[in-house]
Amino acid sequence: MLKHTVRRSRQLFAESIDKDLQTLRSLQISTTVHRELHGMGFHGSLAASKPYITKCNAKSRMQLCKARRHWTLEEWRCVLWSDESCFPVW
């Protein structure tokens, strides 16, 4: 049940999961939720802080979009798309 709860809502803290299991589901926890989560391979991390879009950057993005809004599919196929995001694969 603990693994299902964590996979369903990945943004929860161990303390809130502990309270949820004890109050809403009437379960008594003998070991700490934090220790059990580590045992299952779940490790907490903070979300990366990202800079806000500046007005200058927003303006140049809008100009770029307006300049290319009538592009055909063939023109878009010539664009090289890249993404530097990291996504876990389970």
PDB file of N, CA and C in Angstrom:
ATOM      1  N   MET A   1       0.833  -1.182   0.000  1.00  0.00           N
ATOM      2  CA  MET A   1       0.000   0.000   0.000  1.00  0.00           C
ATOM      3  C   MET A   1       0.886   1.257   0.000  1.00  0.00           C
ATOM      4  N   LEU A   2       2.000   1.194   0.705  1.00  0.00           N
ATOM      5  CA  LEU A   2       2.919   2.334   0.752  1.00  0.00           C
ATOM      6  C   LEU A   2       3.498   2.622  -0.626  1.00  0.00           C
ATOM      7  N   LYS A   3       3.915   1.591  -1.342  1.00  0.00           N
ATOM      8  CA  LYS A   3       4.480   1.766  -2.677  1.00  0.00           C
ATOM      9  C   LYS A   3       3.433   2.348  -3.632  1.00  0.00           C
ATOM     10  N   HIS A   4       2.207   1.871  -3.528  1.00  0.00           N
ATOM     11  CA  HIS A   4       1.123   2.379  -4.373  1.00  0.00           C
ATOM     12  C   HIS A   4       0.866   3.858  -4.087  1.00  0.00           C
ATOM     13  N   THR A   5       0.871   4.250  -2.813  1.00  0.00           N
ATOM     14  CA  THR A   5       0.642   5.640  -2.433  1.00  0.00           C
ATOM     15  C   THR A   5       1.722   6.545  -2.990  1.00  0.00           C
ATOM     16  N   VAL A   6       2.976   6.100  -2.918  1.00  0.00           N
ATOM     17  CA  VAL A   6       4.089   6.922  -3.407  1.00  0.00           C
ATOM     18  C   VAL A   6       4.054   7.033  -4.919  1.00  0.00           C
ATOM     19  N   ARG A   7       3.782   5.970  -5.611  1.00  0.00           N
ATOM     20  CA  ARG A   7       3.742   6.028  -7.076  1.00  0.00           C
ATOM     21  C   ARG A   7       2.574   6.859  -7.590  1.00  0.00           C
ATOM     22  N   ARG A   8       1.493   6.893  -6.834  1.00  0.00           N
ATOM     23  CA  ARG A   8       0.316   7.658  -7.243  1.00  0.00           C
ATOM     24  C   ARG A   8       0.571   9.155  -7.114  1.00  0.00           C
ATOM     25  N   SER A   9       1.218   9.574  -6.055  1.00  0.00           N
ATOM     26  CA  SER A   9       1.492  11.003  -5.860  1.00  0.00           C
ATOM     27  C   SER A   9       2.934  11.175  -5.420  1.00  0.00           C
ATOM     28  N   ARG A  10       3.799  11.440  -6.393  1.00  0.00           N
ATOM     29  CA  ARG A  10       5.245  11.482  -6.177  1.00  0.00           C
ATOM     30  C   ARG A  10       5.720  12.733  -5.443  1.00  0.00           C
ATOM     31  N   GLN A  11       4.873  13.743  -5.293  1.00  0.00           N
ATOM     32  CA  GLN A  11       5.300  14.996  -4.690  1.00  0.00           C
ATOM     33  C   GLN A  11       5.110  15.040  -3.178  1.00  0.00           C
ATOM     34  N   LEU A  12       4.591  13.982  -2.582  1.00  0.00           N
ATOM     35  CA  LEU A  12       4.322  13.988  -1.154  1.00  0.00           C
ATOM     36  C   LEU A  12       5.592  13.804  -0.333  1.00  0.00           C
ATOM     37  N   PHE A  13       5.597  14.394   0.852  1.00  0.00           N
ATOM     38  CA  PHE A  13       6.672  14.183   1.798  1.00  0.00           C
ATOM     39  C   PHE A  13       6.380  12.935   2.611  1.00  0.00           C
ATOM     40  N   ALA A  14       7.424  12.331   3.171  1.00  0.00           N
ATOM     41  CA  ALA A  14       7.261  11.112   3.964  1.00  0.00           C
ATOM     42  C   ALA A  14       6.331  11.359   5.153  1.00  0.00           C
ATOM     43  N   GLU A  15       6.408  12.549   5.758  1.00  0.00           N
ATOM     44  CA  GLU A  15       5.553  12.858   6.913  1.00  0.00           C
ATOM     45  C   GLU A  15       4.072  12.875   6.530  1.00  0.00           C
ATOM     46  N   SER A  16       3.763  13.435   5.355  1.00  0.00           N
ATOM     47  CA  SER A  16       2.353  13.478   4.947  1.00  0.00           C
ATOM     48  C   SER A  16       1.839  12.090   4.575  1.00  0.00           C
ATOM     49  N   ILE A  17       2.704  11.245   4.026  1.00  0.00           N
ATOM     50  CA  ILE A  17       2.309   9.861   3.739  1.00  0.00           C
ATOM     51  C   ILE A  17       2.041   9.124   5.044  1.00  0.00           C
ATOM     52  N   ASP A  18       2.890   9.349   6.037  1.00  0.00           N
ATOM     53  CA  ASP A  18       2.727   8.731   7.352  1.00  0.00           C
ATOM     54  C   ASP A  18       1.387   9.124   7.968  1.00  0.00           C
ATOM     55  N   LYS A  19       1.062  10.416   7.939  1.00  0.00           N
ATOM     56  CA  LYS A  19      -0.216  10.893   8.489  1.00  0.00           C
ATOM     57  C   LYS A  19      -1.391  10.301   7.725  1.00  0.00           C
ATOM     58  N   ASP A  20      -1.267  10.226   6.404  1.00  0.00           N
ATOM     59  CA  ASP A  20      -2.334   9.670   5.580  1.00  0.00           C
ATOM     60  C   ASP A  20      -2.604   8.213   5.946  1.00  0.00           C
ATOM     61  N   LEU A  21      -1.554   7.432   6.072  1.00  0.00           N
ATOM     62  CA  LEU A  21      -1.728   6.015   6.395  1.00  0.00           C
ATOM     63  C   LEU A  21      -2.291   5.817   7.794  1.00  0.00           C
ATOM     64  N   GLN A  22      -1.912   6.657   8.730  1.00  0.00           N
ATOM     65  CA  GLN A  22      -2.379   6.475  10.110  1.00  0.00           C
ATOM     66  C   GLN A  22      -3.794   6.994  10.323  1.00  0.00           C
ATOM     67  N   THR A  23      -4.146   8.123   9.709  1.00  0.00           N
ATOM     68  CA  THR A  23      -5.467   8.701   9.965  1.00  0.00           C
ATOM     69  C   THR A  23      -6.536   8.203   8.998  1.00  0.00           C
ATOM     70  N   LEU A  24      -6.296   8.373   7.715  1.00  0.00           N
ATOM     71  CA  LEU A  24      -7.338   8.038   6.742  1.00  0.00           C
ATOM     72  C   LEU A  24      -7.540   6.531   6.587  1.00  0.00           C
ATOM     73  N   ARG A  25      -6.464   5.772   6.683  1.00  0.00           N
ATOM     74  CA  ARG A  25      -6.582   4.331   6.458  1.00  0.00           C
ATOM     75  C   ARG A  25      -6.516   3.525   7.740  1.00  0.00           C
ATOM     76  N   SER A  26      -6.387   4.197   8.878  1.00  0.00           N
ATOM     77  CA  SER A  26      -6.361   3.561  10.203  1.00  0.00           C
ATOM     78  C   SER A  26      -5.309   2.465  10.308  1.00  0.00           C
ATOM     79  N   LEU A  27      -4.107   2.741   9.820  1.00  0.00           N
ATOM     80  CA  LEU A  27      -3.010   1.782   9.908  1.00  0.00           C
ATOM     81  C   LEU A  27      -2.002   2.251  10.941  1.00  0.00           C
ATOM     82  N   GLN A  28      -1.479   1.317  11.734  1.00  0.00           N
ATOM     83  CA  GLN A  28      -0.432   1.636  12.688  1.00  0.00           C
ATOM     84  C   GLN A  28       0.909   1.348  12.039  1.00  0.00           C
ATOM     85  N   ILE A  29       1.794   2.317  12.059  1.00  0.00           N
ATOM     86  CA  ILE A  29       3.104   2.192  11.440  1.00  0.00           C
ATOM     87  C   ILE A  29       4.119   1.885  12.533  1.00  0.00           C
ATOM     88  N   SER A  30       4.848   0.754  12.391  1.00  0.00           N
ATOM     89  CA  SER A  30       5.826   0.398  13.413  1.00  0.00           C
ATOM     90  C   SER A  30       7.215   0.962  13.106  1.00  0.00           C
ATOM     91  N   THR A  31       7.561   1.071  11.833  1.00  0.00           N
ATOM     92  CA  THR A  31       8.836   1.681  11.454  1.00  0.00           C
ATOM     93  C   THR A  31       8.548   2.982  10.726  1.00  0.00           C
ATOM     94  N   THR A  32       9.551   3.791  10.586  1.00  0.00           N
ATOM     95  CA  THR A  32       9.297   5.077   9.936  1.00  0.00           C
ATOM     96  C   THR A  32       9.056   4.894   8.446  1.00  0.00           C
ATOM     97  N   VAL A  33       8.191   5.701   7.918  1.00  0.00           N
ATOM     98  CA  VAL A  33       7.866   5.656   6.493  1.00  0.00           C
ATOM     99  C   VAL A  33       9.108   5.994   5.674  1.00  0.00           C
ATOM    100  N   HIS A  34       9.885   6.946   6.166  1.00  0.00           N
ATOM    101  CA  HIS A  34      11.101   7.356   5.471  1.00  0.00           C
ATOM    102  C   HIS A  34      12.049   6.164   5.291  1.00  0.00           C
ATOM    103  N   ARG A  35      12.244   5.375   6.318  1.00  0.00           N
ATOM    104  CA  ARG A  35      13.128   4.203   6.246  1.00  0.00           C
ATOM    105  C   ARG A  35      12.575   3.152   5.287  1.00  0.00           C
ATOM    106  N   GLU A  36      11.286   2.936   5.317  1.00  0.00           N
ATOM    107  CA  GLU A  36      10.666   1.956   4.416  1.00  0.00           C
ATOM    108  C   GLU A  36      10.773   2.394   2.951  1.00  0.00           C
ATOM    109  N   LEU A  37      10.577   3.684   2.717  1.00  0.00           N
ATOM    110  CA  LEU A  37      10.684   4.198   1.344  1.00  0.00           C
ATOM    111  C   LEU A  37      12.095   4.015   0.805  1.00  0.00           C
ATOM    112  N   HIS A  38      13.093   4.260   1.643  1.00  0.00           N
ATOM    113  CA  HIS A  38      14.481   4.030   1.213  1.00  0.00           C
ATOM    114  C   HIS A  38      14.715   2.551   0.936  1.00  0.00           C
ATOM    115  N   GLY A  39      14.124   1.704   1.738  1.00  0.00           N
ATOM    116  CA  GLY A  39      14.257   0.267   1.524  1.00  0.00           C
ATOM    117  C   GLY A  39      13.640  -0.200   0.214  1.00  0.00           C
ATOM    118  N   MET A  40      12.604   0.497  -0.238  1.00  0.00           N
ATOM    119  CA  MET A  40      11.947   0.165  -1.506  1.00  0.00           C
ATOM    120  C   MET A  40      12.633   0.815  -2.704  1.00  0.00           C
ATOM    121  N   GLY A  41      13.643   1.631  -2.439  1.00  0.00           N
ATOM    122  CA  GLY A  41      14.359   2.269  -3.542  1.00  0.00           C
ATOM    123  C   GLY A  41      13.895   3.673  -3.873  1.00  0.00           C
ATOM    124  N   PHE A  42      13.014   4.239  -3.069  1.00  0.00           N
ATOM    125  CA  PHE A  42      12.567   5.618  -3.279  1.00  0.00           C
ATOM    126  C   PHE A  42      13.471   6.544  -2.483  1.00  0.00           C
ATOM    127  N   HIS A  43      14.001   7.549  -3.151  1.00  0.00           N
ATOM    128  CA  HIS A  43      14.864   8.518  -2.487  1.00  0.00           C
ATOM    129  C   HIS A  43      14.361   9.906  -2.820  1.00  0.00           C
ATOM    130  N   GLY A  44      14.215  10.729  -1.808  1.00  0.00           N
ATOM    131  CA  GLY A  44      13.670  12.069  -1.996  1.00  0.00           C
ATOM    132  C   GLY A  44      14.666  13.018  -2.628  1.00  0.00           C
ATOM    133  N   SER A  45      14.144  14.002  -3.323  1.00  0.00           N
ATOM    134  CA  SER A  45      14.978  15.054  -3.892  1.00  0.00           C
ATOM    135  C   SER A  45      14.122  16.298  -4.071  1.00  0.00           C
ATOM    136  N   LEU A  46      14.773  17.420  -4.078  1.00  0.00           N
ATOM    137  CA  LEU A  46      14.064  18.680  -4.278  1.00  0.00           C
ATOM    138  C   LEU A  46      13.971  18.989  -5.766  1.00  0.00           C
ATOM    139  N   ALA A  47      12.904  19.643  -6.144  1.00  0.00           N
ATOM    140  CA  ALA A  47      12.755  20.049  -7.537  1.00  0.00           C
ATOM    141  C   ALA A  47      13.781  21.125  -7.859  1.00  0.00           C
ATOM    142  N   ALA A  48      14.307  21.078  -9.054  1.00  0.00           N
ATOM    143  CA  ALA A  48      15.308  22.058  -9.468  1.00  0.00           C
ATOM    144  C   ALA A  48      14.666  23.431  -9.593  1.00  0.00           C
ATOM    145  N   SER A  49      15.358  24.432  -9.127  1.00  0.00           N
ATOM    146  CA  SER A  49      14.862  25.787  -9.249  1.00  0.00           C
ATOM    147  C   SER A  49      15.258  26.324 -10.620  1.00  0.00           C
ATOM    148  N   LYS A  50      14.298  26.835 -11.342  1.00  0.00           N
ATOM    149  CA  LYS A  50      14.543  27.311 -12.701  1.00  0.00           C
ATOM    150  C   LYS A  50      14.309  28.815 -12.752  1.00  0.00           C
ATOM    151  N   PRO A  51      15.098  29.517 -13.530  1.00  0.00           N
ATOM    152  CA  PRO A  51      14.918  30.969 -13.602  1.00  0.00           C
ATOM    153  C   PRO A  51      13.627  31.337 -14.334  1.00  0.00           C
ATOM    154  N   TYR A  52      13.056  32.453 -13.938  1.00  0.00           N
ATOM    155  CA  TYR A  52      11.859  32.945 -14.605  1.00  0.00           C
ATOM    156  C   TYR A  52      12.227  33.469 -15.995  1.00  0.00           C
ATOM    157  N   ILE A  53      11.259  33.496 -16.879  1.00  0.00           N
ATOM    158  CA  ILE A  53      11.478  34.036 -18.213  1.00  0.00           C
ATOM    159  C   ILE A  53      11.494  35.558 -18.110  1.00  0.00           C
ATOM    160  N   THR A  54      12.540  36.166 -18.598  1.00  0.00           N
ATOM    161  CA  THR A  54      12.639  37.626 -18.558  1.00  0.00           C
ATOM    162  C   THR A  54      11.750  38.229 -19.640  1.00  0.00           C
ATOM    163  N   LYS A  55      11.458  39.509 -19.506  1.00  0.00           N
ATOM    164  CA  LYS A  55      10.616  40.183 -20.503  1.00  0.00           C
ATOM    165  C   LYS A  55      11.290  40.178 -21.872  1.00  0.00           C
ATOM    166  N   CYS A  56      12.601  40.336 -21.875  1.00  0.00           N
ATOM    167  CA  CYS A  56      13.347  40.334 -23.139  1.00  0.00           C
ATOM    168  C   CYS A  56      13.260  38.956 -23.803  1.00  0.00           C
ATOM    169  N   ASN A  57      13.419  37.898 -22.995  1.00  0.00           N
ATOM    170  CA  ASN A  57      13.346  36.540 -23.518  1.00  0.00           C
ATOM    171  C   ASN A  57      11.930  36.219 -24.007  1.00  0.00           C
ATOM    172  N   ALA A  58      10.925  36.666 -23.266  1.00  0.00           N
ATOM    173  CA  ALA A  58       9.533  36.427 -23.677  1.00  0.00           C
ATOM    174  C   ALA A  58       9.234  37.131 -24.996  1.00  0.00           C
ATOM    175  N   LYS A  59       9.763  38.341 -25.160  1.00  0.00           N
ATOM    176  CA  LYS A  59       9.536  39.099 -26.389  1.00  0.00           C
ATOM    177  C   LYS A  59      10.190  38.408 -27.588  1.00  0.00           C
ATOM    178  N   SER A  60      11.429  37.927 -27.404  1.00  0.00           N
ATOM    179  CA  SER A  60      12.100  37.252 -28.514  1.00  0.00           C
ATOM    180  C   SER A  60      11.435  35.917 -28.840  1.00  0.00           C
ATOM    181  N   ARG A  61      10.916  35.218 -27.840  1.00  0.00           N
ATOM    182  CA  ARG A  61      10.173  33.976 -28.091  1.00  0.00           C
ATOM    183  C   ARG A  61       8.914  34.243 -28.911  1.00  0.00           C
ATOM    184  N   MET A  62       8.211  35.319 -28.543  1.00  0.00           N
ATOM    185  CA  MET A  62       6.986  35.659 -29.264  1.00  0.00           C
ATOM    186  C   MET A  62       7.301  36.018 -30.714  1.00  0.00           C
ATOM    187  N   GLN A  63       8.374  36.749 -30.945  1.00  0.00           N
ATOM    188  CA  GLN A  63       8.766  37.099 -32.313  1.00  0.00           C
ATOM    189  C   GLN A  63       9.103  35.842 -33.111  1.00  0.00           C
ATOM    190  N   LEU A  64       9.795  34.917 -32.480  1.00  0.00           N
ATOM    191  CA  LEU A  64      10.147  33.662 -33.140  1.00  0.00           C
ATOM    192  C   LEU A  64       8.885  32.882 -33.527  1.00  0.00           C
ATOM    193  N   CYS A  65       7.925  32.815 -32.611  1.00  0.00           N
ATOM    194  CA  CYS A  65       6.670  32.090 -32.879  1.00  0.00           C
ATOM    195  C   CYS A  65       5.873  32.744 -34.002  1.00  0.00           C
ATOM    196  N   LYS A  66       5.780  34.061 -33.950  1.00  0.00           N
ATOM    197  CA  LYS A  66       5.014  34.765 -34.987  1.00  0.00           C
ATOM    198  C   LYS A  66       5.660  34.624 -36.360  1.00  0.00           C
ATOM    199  N   ALA A  67       6.992  34.611 -36.393  1.00  0.00           N
ATOM    200  CA  ALA A  67       7.696  34.490 -37.674  1.00  0.00           C
ATOM    201  C   ALA A  67       7.511  33.110 -38.294  1.00  0.00           C
ATOM    202  N   ARG A  68       7.245  32.103 -37.476  1.00  0.00           N
ATOM    203  CA  ARG A  68       7.159  30.727 -37.984  1.00  0.00           C
ATOM    204  C   ARG A  68       5.756  30.117 -37.882  1.00  0.00           C
ATOM    205  N   ARG A  69       4.753  30.913 -37.600  1.00  0.00           N
ATOM    206  CA  ARG A  69       3.412  30.344 -37.408  1.00  0.00           C
ATOM    207  C   ARG A  69       2.798  29.778 -38.682  1.00  0.00           C
ATOM    208  N   HIS A  70       3.277  30.174 -39.836  1.00  0.00           N
ATOM    209  CA  HIS A  70       2.721  29.672 -41.096  1.00  0.00           C
ATOM    210  C   HIS A  70       3.632  28.646 -41.770  1.00  0.00           C
ATOM    211  N   TRP A  71       4.575  28.128 -41.032  1.00  0.00           N
ATOM    212  CA  TRP A  71       5.479  27.132 -41.606  1.00  0.00           C
ATOM    213  C   TRP A  71       4.713  25.861 -41.958  1.00  0.00           C
ATOM    214  N   THR A  72       5.161  25.199 -43.013  1.00  0.00           N
ATOM    215  CA  THR A  72       4.564  23.929 -43.411  1.00  0.00           C
ATOM    216  C   THR A  72       5.223  22.805 -42.626  1.00  0.00           C
ATOM    217  N   LEU A  73       4.651  21.621 -42.743  1.00  0.00           N
ATOM    218  CA  LEU A  73       5.203  20.453 -42.063  1.00  0.00           C
ATOM    219  C   LEU A  73       6.610  20.147 -42.567  1.00  0.00           C
ATOM    220  N   GLU A  74       6.840  20.340 -43.841  1.00  0.00           N
ATOM    221  CA  GLU A  74       8.169  20.092 -44.402  1.00  0.00           C
ATOM    222  C   GLU A  74       9.218  21.039 -43.814  1.00  0.00           C
ATOM    223  N   GLU A  75       8.838  22.281 -43.593  1.00  0.00           N
ATOM    224  CA  GLU A  75       9.776  23.234 -42.985  1.00  0.00           C
ATOM    225  C   GLU A  75      10.100  22.836 -41.539  1.00  0.00           C
ATOM    226  N   TRP A  76       9.087  22.371 -40.802  1.00  0.00           N
ATOM    227  CA  TRP A  76       9.317  21.951 -39.410  1.00  0.00           C
ATOM    228  C   TRP A  76      10.155  20.688 -39.333  1.00  0.00           C
ATOM    229  N   ARG A  77      10.097  19.864 -40.361  1.00  0.00           N
ATOM    230  CA  ARG A  77      10.910  18.637 -40.362  1.00  0.00           C
ATOM    231  C   ARG A  77      12.400  18.932 -40.495  1.00  0.00           C
ATOM    232  N   CYS A  78      12.753  20.108 -40.945  1.00  0.00           N
ATOM    233  CA  CYS A  78      14.165  20.505 -41.061  1.00  0.00           C
ATOM    234  C   CYS A  78      14.737  21.031 -39.741  1.00  0.00           C
ATOM    235  N   VAL A  79      13.900  21.172 -38.734  1.00  0.00           N
ATOM    236  CA  VAL A  79      14.344  21.688 -37.440  1.00  0.00           C
ATOM    237  C   VAL A  79      14.863  20.529 -36.596  1.00  0.00           C
ATOM    238  N   LEU A  80      16.002  20.738 -35.971  1.00  0.00           N
ATOM    239  CA  LEU A  80      16.562  19.737 -35.068  1.00  0.00           C
ATOM    240  C   LEU A  80      16.075  20.045 -33.657  1.00  0.00           C
ATOM    241  N   TRP A  81      15.305  19.118 -33.084  1.00  0.00           N
ATOM    242  CA  TRP A  81      14.758  19.313 -31.744  1.00  0.00           C
ATOM    243  C   TRP A  81      15.685  18.645 -30.748  1.00  0.00           C
ATOM    244  N   SER A  82      15.975  19.329 -29.677  1.00  0.00           N
ATOM    245  CA  SER A  82      16.800  18.740 -28.622  1.00  0.00           C
ATOM    246  C   SER A  82      16.164  19.034 -27.276  1.00  0.00           C
ATOM    247  N   ASP A  83      16.404  18.142 -26.343  1.00  0.00           N
ATOM    248  CA  ASP A  83      15.855  18.292 -25.006  1.00  0.00           C
ATOM    249  C   ASP A  83      16.902  17.796 -24.028  1.00  0.00           C
ATOM    250  N   GLU A  84      17.199  18.599 -23.038  1.00  0.00           N
ATOM    251  CA  GLU A  84      18.201  18.211 -22.068  1.00  0.00           C
ATOM    252  C   GLU A  84      17.587  17.736 -20.761  1.00  0.00           C
ATOM    253  N   SER A  85      16.313  17.465 -20.759  1.00  0.00           N
ATOM    254  CA  SER A  85      15.652  17.008 -19.536  1.00  0.00           C
ATOM    255  C   SER A  85      15.952  15.543 -19.297  1.00  0.00           C
ATOM    256  N   CYS A  86      15.974  15.182 -18.031  1.00  0.00           N
ATOM    257  CA  CYS A  86      16.235  13.799 -17.644  1.00  0.00           C
ATOM    258  C   CYS A  86      14.962  13.216 -17.051  1.00  0.00           C
ATOM    259  N   PHE A  87      14.498  12.104 -17.582  1.00  0.00           N
ATOM    260  CA  PHE A  87      13.285  11.472 -17.088  1.00  0.00           C
ATOM    261  C   PHE A  87      13.598  10.042 -16.663  1.00  0.00           C
ATOM    262  N   PRO A  88      13.174   9.663 -15.455  1.00  0.00           N
ATOM    263  CA  PRO A  88      13.432   8.280 -15.024  1.00  0.00           C
ATOM    264  C   PRO A  88      12.540   7.303 -15.779  1.00  0.00           C
ATOM    265  N   VAL A  89      13.083   6.152 -16.090  1.00  0.00           N
ATOM    266  CA  VAL A  89      12.331   5.106 -16.773  1.00  0.00           C
ATOM    267  C   VAL A  89      12.194   3.941 -15.812  1.00  0.00           C
ATOM    268  N   TRP A  90      10.955   3.597 -15.470  1.00  0.00           N
ATOM    269  CA  TRP A  90      10.728   2.489 -14.550  1.00  0.00           C
ATOM    270  C   TRP A  90      10.346   1.270 -15.319  1.00  0.00           C
TER     271      TRP A  90
END
